[in-house]
Amino acid sequence: MTTPQKYLVGCYPLGRFQVDVYLSMGESGGCYYDSPEDGRLPRICVGGMYENWGTVISVFLHEALEFCLDQRLKRFVATQELRADSYEDVVFFLHHTDLSAAMYDVGKLVAVALPDLAAMWNEKKPKKEKEET
């Protein structure tokens, strides 16, 4: 099994945090780490193994918004714990103003990080082989 290659896209503001954004080639989906190893910034990892750029953007938006809601203590599981072992158990409870504030932070992140993420994805994505005629 090949270990996915992770590439640092850059460090960007997300709300009151600075986060590292990584593109993870060889993986789909995404994740975030709000309490990484000592001395490391929180990070968002975006899987890059998609043929469609829109799917990569969707994963990026999902992880950024979930990170923001988690930091605002709006992410729960049915047992009222703040952390979940299963993604199916995660629920969000928030007011419209909470959503607006989180989307404001996500929008600011996307405005500065998306061009860099696009450039990295275009550079690292598998190239399609040309058909012989």
C-alpha atoms as a PDB file:
ATOM      1  CA  MET A   1       0.000   0.000   0.000  1.00  0.00           C
ATOM      2  CA  THR A   2       1.381   3.390  -0.974  1.00  0.00           C
ATOM      3  CA  THR A   3       1.482   6.145   1.619  1.00  0.00           C
ATOM      4  CA  PRO A   4      -0.411   9.206   0.380  1.00  0.00           C
ATOM      5  CA  GLN A   5       1.788  12.200  -0.412  1.00  0.00           C
ATOM      6  CA  LYS A   6       0.859  15.295   1.581  1.00  0.00           C
ATOM      7  CA  TYR A   7       1.862  18.702   0.261  1.00  0.00           C
ATOM      8  CA  LEU A   8       1.750  21.910   2.288  1.00  0.00           C
ATOM      9  CA  VAL A   9      -0.284  24.418   0.292  1.00  0.00           C
ATOM     10  CA  GLY A  10       0.306  27.230   2.773  1.00  0.00           C
ATOM     11  CA  CYS A  11      -0.630  28.843   6.072  1.00  0.00           C
ATOM     12  CA  TYR A  12      -3.812  30.934   6.114  1.00  0.00           C
ATOM     13  CA  PRO A  13      -6.090  32.757   8.548  1.00  0.00           C
ATOM     14  CA  LEU A  14      -9.289  30.968   9.547  1.00  0.00           C
ATOM     15  CA  GLY A  15     -11.206  32.914  12.139  1.00  0.00           C
ATOM     16  CA  ARG A  16      -8.958  33.521  15.140  1.00  0.00           C
ATOM     17  CA  PHE A  17      -6.550  30.792  14.026  1.00  0.00           C
ATOM     18  CA  GLN A  18      -3.796  30.327  11.518  1.00  0.00           C
ATOM     19  CA  VAL A  19      -4.170  26.944   9.801  1.00  0.00           C
ATOM     20  CA  ASP A  20      -1.929  24.933   7.535  1.00  0.00           C
ATOM     21  CA  VAL A  21      -3.713  23.605   4.466  1.00  0.00           C
ATOM     22  CA  TYR A  22      -2.433  20.349   2.973  1.00  0.00           C
ATOM     23  CA  LEU A  23      -3.294  18.614  -0.270  1.00  0.00           C
ATOM     24  CA  SER A  24      -3.201  14.854   0.206  1.00  0.00           C
ATOM     25  CA  MET A  25      -2.673  13.032  -3.078  1.00  0.00           C
ATOM     26  CA  GLY A  26      -3.600   9.373  -2.996  1.00  0.00           C
ATOM     27  CA  GLU A  27      -6.587  10.029  -0.739  1.00  0.00           C
ATOM     28  CA  SER A  28     -10.146  11.193  -1.107  1.00  0.00           C
ATOM     29  CA  GLY A  29     -12.165  12.971   1.544  1.00  0.00           C
ATOM     30  CA  GLY A  30     -10.603  15.268   4.068  1.00  0.00           C
ATOM     31  CA  CYS A  31     -10.017  15.970   7.738  1.00  0.00           C
ATOM     32  CA  TYR A  32      -8.855  18.622  10.130  1.00  0.00           C
ATOM     33  CA  TYR A  33      -6.684  18.581  13.219  1.00  0.00           C
ATOM     34  CA  ASP A  34      -7.498  21.291  15.727  1.00  0.00           C
ATOM     35  CA  SER A  35      -4.994  20.002  18.314  1.00  0.00           C
ATOM     36  CA  PRO A  36      -2.008  18.740  16.337  1.00  0.00           C
ATOM     37  CA  GLU A  37       1.415  17.789  17.643  1.00  0.00           C
ATOM     38  CA  ASP A  38       3.233  20.210  19.937  1.00  0.00           C
ATOM     39  CA  GLY A  39       4.368  23.318  18.126  1.00  0.00           C
ATOM     40  CA  ARG A  40       2.261  22.663  15.021  1.00  0.00           C
ATOM     41  CA  LEU A  41      -0.590  24.787  13.736  1.00  0.00           C
ATOM     42  CA  PRO A  42      -4.088  23.411  13.306  1.00  0.00           C
ATOM     43  CA  ARG A  43      -4.393  21.938   9.828  1.00  0.00           C
ATOM     44  CA  ILE A  44      -6.900  21.058   7.164  1.00  0.00           C
ATOM     45  CA  CYS A  45      -6.109  18.155   4.847  1.00  0.00           C
ATOM     46  CA  VAL A  46      -7.896  17.944   1.514  1.00  0.00           C
ATOM     47  CA  GLY A  47      -7.889  14.733  -0.483  1.00  0.00           C
ATOM     48  CA  GLY A  48      -6.842  15.386  -4.061  1.00  0.00           C
ATOM     49  CA  MET A  49      -7.700  12.124  -5.785  1.00  0.00           C
ATOM     50  CA  TYR A  50     -10.605  13.454  -7.793  1.00  0.00           C
ATOM     51  CA  GLU A  51     -10.943  14.068 -11.493  1.00  0.00           C
ATOM     52  CA  ASN A  52     -13.281  16.983 -10.839  1.00  0.00           C
ATOM     53  CA  TRP A  53     -11.886  20.201  -9.336  1.00  0.00           C
ATOM     54  CA  GLY A  54     -15.334  21.016  -7.947  1.00  0.00           C
ATOM     55  CA  THR A  55     -15.150  17.956  -5.698  1.00  0.00           C
ATOM     56  CA  VAL A  56     -11.818  19.123  -4.269  1.00  0.00           C
ATOM     57  CA  ILE A  57     -13.388  22.510  -3.504  1.00  0.00           C
ATOM     58  CA  SER A  58     -16.344  20.788  -1.843  1.00  0.00           C
ATOM     59  CA  VAL A  59     -14.029  18.817   0.465  1.00  0.00           C
ATOM     60  CA  PHE A  60     -12.082  21.982   1.311  1.00  0.00           C
ATOM     61  CA  LEU A  61     -15.264  23.905   2.157  1.00  0.00           C
ATOM     62  CA  HIS A  62     -16.621  21.019   4.217  1.00  0.00           C
ATOM     63  CA  GLU A  63     -13.492  20.702   6.357  1.00  0.00           C
ATOM     64  CA  ALA A  64     -13.070  24.460   6.817  1.00  0.00           C
ATOM     65  CA  LEU A  65     -16.692  24.915   7.894  1.00  0.00           C
ATOM     66  CA  GLU A  66     -16.588  21.918  10.225  1.00  0.00           C
ATOM     67  CA  PHE A  67     -13.382  23.262  11.814  1.00  0.00           C
ATOM     68  CA  CYS A  68     -15.033  26.659  12.371  1.00  0.00           C
ATOM     69  CA  LEU A  69     -18.150  25.118  13.902  1.00  0.00           C
ATOM     70  CA  ASP A  70     -16.057  22.874  16.132  1.00  0.00           C
ATOM     71  CA  GLN A  71     -14.126  25.901  17.425  1.00  0.00           C
ATOM     72  CA  ARG A  72     -17.436  27.605  18.224  1.00  0.00           C
ATOM     73  CA  LEU A  73     -18.550  24.487  20.147  1.00  0.00           C
ATOM     74  CA  LYS A  74     -21.396  23.817  17.704  1.00  0.00           C
ATOM     75  CA  ARG A  75     -20.279  20.277  16.784  1.00  0.00           C
ATOM     76  CA  PHE A  76     -21.671  17.439  18.920  1.00  0.00           C
ATOM     77  CA  VAL A  77     -22.593  13.785  18.935  1.00  0.00           C
ATOM     78  CA  ALA A  78     -25.900  12.357  20.088  1.00  0.00           C
ATOM     79  CA  THR A  79     -24.405  11.623  23.525  1.00  0.00           C
ATOM     80  CA  GLN A  80     -23.711  15.359  24.017  1.00  0.00           C
ATOM     81  CA  GLU A  81     -19.952  14.845  23.853  1.00  0.00           C
ATOM     82  CA  LEU A  82     -17.801  17.293  21.953  1.00  0.00           C
ATOM     83  CA  ARG A  83     -15.906  14.602  20.030  1.00  0.00           C
ATOM     84  CA  ALA A  84     -17.185  11.680  17.977  1.00  0.00           C
ATOM     85  CA  ASP A  85     -15.567   8.451  16.881  1.00  0.00           C
ATOM     86  CA  SER A  86     -18.060   7.990  14.063  1.00  0.00           C
ATOM     87  CA  TYR A  87     -18.805  10.690  11.525  1.00  0.00           C
ATOM     88  CA  GLU A  88     -22.375   9.428  11.333  1.00  0.00           C
ATOM     89  CA  ASP A  89     -22.899  10.507  14.952  1.00  0.00           C
ATOM     90  CA  VAL A  90     -21.851  14.131  14.423  1.00  0.00           C
ATOM     91  CA  VAL A  91     -24.565  16.771  14.615  1.00  0.00           C
ATOM     92  CA  PHE A  92     -24.405  20.550  14.547  1.00  0.00           C
ATOM     93  CA  PHE A  93     -26.545  22.824  16.653  1.00  0.00           C
ATOM     94  CA  LEU A  94     -26.315  26.505  15.856  1.00  0.00           C
ATOM     95  CA  HIS A  95     -28.197  29.689  15.264  1.00  0.00           C
ATOM     96  CA  HIS A  96     -28.261  31.412  11.916  1.00  0.00           C
ATOM     97  CA  THR A  97     -25.851  34.045  13.235  1.00  0.00           C
ATOM     98  CA  ASP A  98     -23.368  31.264  14.106  1.00  0.00           C
ATOM     99  CA  LEU A  99     -23.598  29.956  10.562  1.00  0.00           C
ATOM    100  CA  SER A 100     -23.102  33.453   9.161  1.00  0.00           C
ATOM    101  CA  ALA A 101     -20.006  34.023  11.310  1.00  0.00           C
ATOM    102  CA  ALA A 102     -18.511  30.663  10.356  1.00  0.00           C
ATOM    103  CA  MET A 103     -19.200  31.250   6.664  1.00  0.00           C
ATOM    104  CA  TYR A 104     -17.578  34.676   6.902  1.00  0.00           C
ATOM    105  CA  ASP A 105     -14.382  33.054   8.209  1.00  0.00           C
ATOM    106  CA  VAL A 106     -14.538  30.289   5.598  1.00  0.00           C
ATOM    107  CA  GLY A 107     -15.063  32.835   2.830  1.00  0.00           C
ATOM    108  CA  LYS A 108     -11.978  34.779   3.883  1.00  0.00           C
ATOM    109  CA  LEU A 109      -9.952  31.540   3.932  1.00  0.00           C
ATOM    110  CA  VAL A 110     -11.182  30.454   0.511  1.00  0.00           C
ATOM    111  CA  ALA A 111     -10.427  33.845  -1.033  1.00  0.00           C
ATOM    112  CA  VAL A 112      -6.735  33.580  -0.160  1.00  0.00           C
ATOM    113  CA  ALA A 113      -6.113  29.809  -0.169  1.00  0.00           C
ATOM    114  CA  LEU A 114      -8.099  28.596  -3.180  1.00  0.00           C
ATOM    115  CA  PRO A 115      -5.711  29.903  -5.874  1.00  0.00           C
ATOM    116  CA  ASP A 116      -2.783  28.160  -4.143  1.00  0.00           C
ATOM    117  CA  LEU A 117      -4.767  24.945  -3.669  1.00  0.00           C
ATOM    118  CA  ALA A 118      -5.785  25.002  -7.339  1.00  0.00           C
ATOM    119  CA  ALA A 119      -2.195  25.469  -8.487  1.00  0.00           C
ATOM    120  CA  MET A 120      -0.973  22.626  -6.261  1.00  0.00           C
ATOM    121  CA  TRP A 121      -3.770  20.279  -7.365  1.00  0.00           C
ATOM    122  CA  ASN A 122      -3.135  21.025 -11.039  1.00  0.00           C
ATOM    123  CA  GLU A 123       0.563  20.335 -10.542  1.00  0.00           C
ATOM    124  CA  LYS A 124       0.178  17.113  -8.517  1.00  0.00           C
ATOM    125  CA  LYS A 125      -2.926  15.434  -9.960  1.00  0.00           C
ATOM    126  CA  PRO A 126      -2.325  12.360 -12.114  1.00  0.00           C
ATOM    127  CA  LYS A 127      -1.969  13.278 -15.753  1.00  0.00           C
ATOM    128  CA  LYS A 128      -4.275  11.554 -18.211  1.00  0.00           C
ATOM    129  CA  GLU A 129      -2.475   9.507 -20.783  1.00  0.00           C
ATOM    130  CA  LYS A 130      -2.958  10.590 -24.357  1.00  0.00           C
ATOM    131  CA  GLU A 131      -4.783   8.145 -26.542  1.00  0.00           C
ATOM    132  CA  GLU A 132      -2.778   6.864 -29.474  1.00  0.00           C
ATOM    133  CA  THR A 133      -4.407   7.449 -32.844  1.00  0.00           C
END
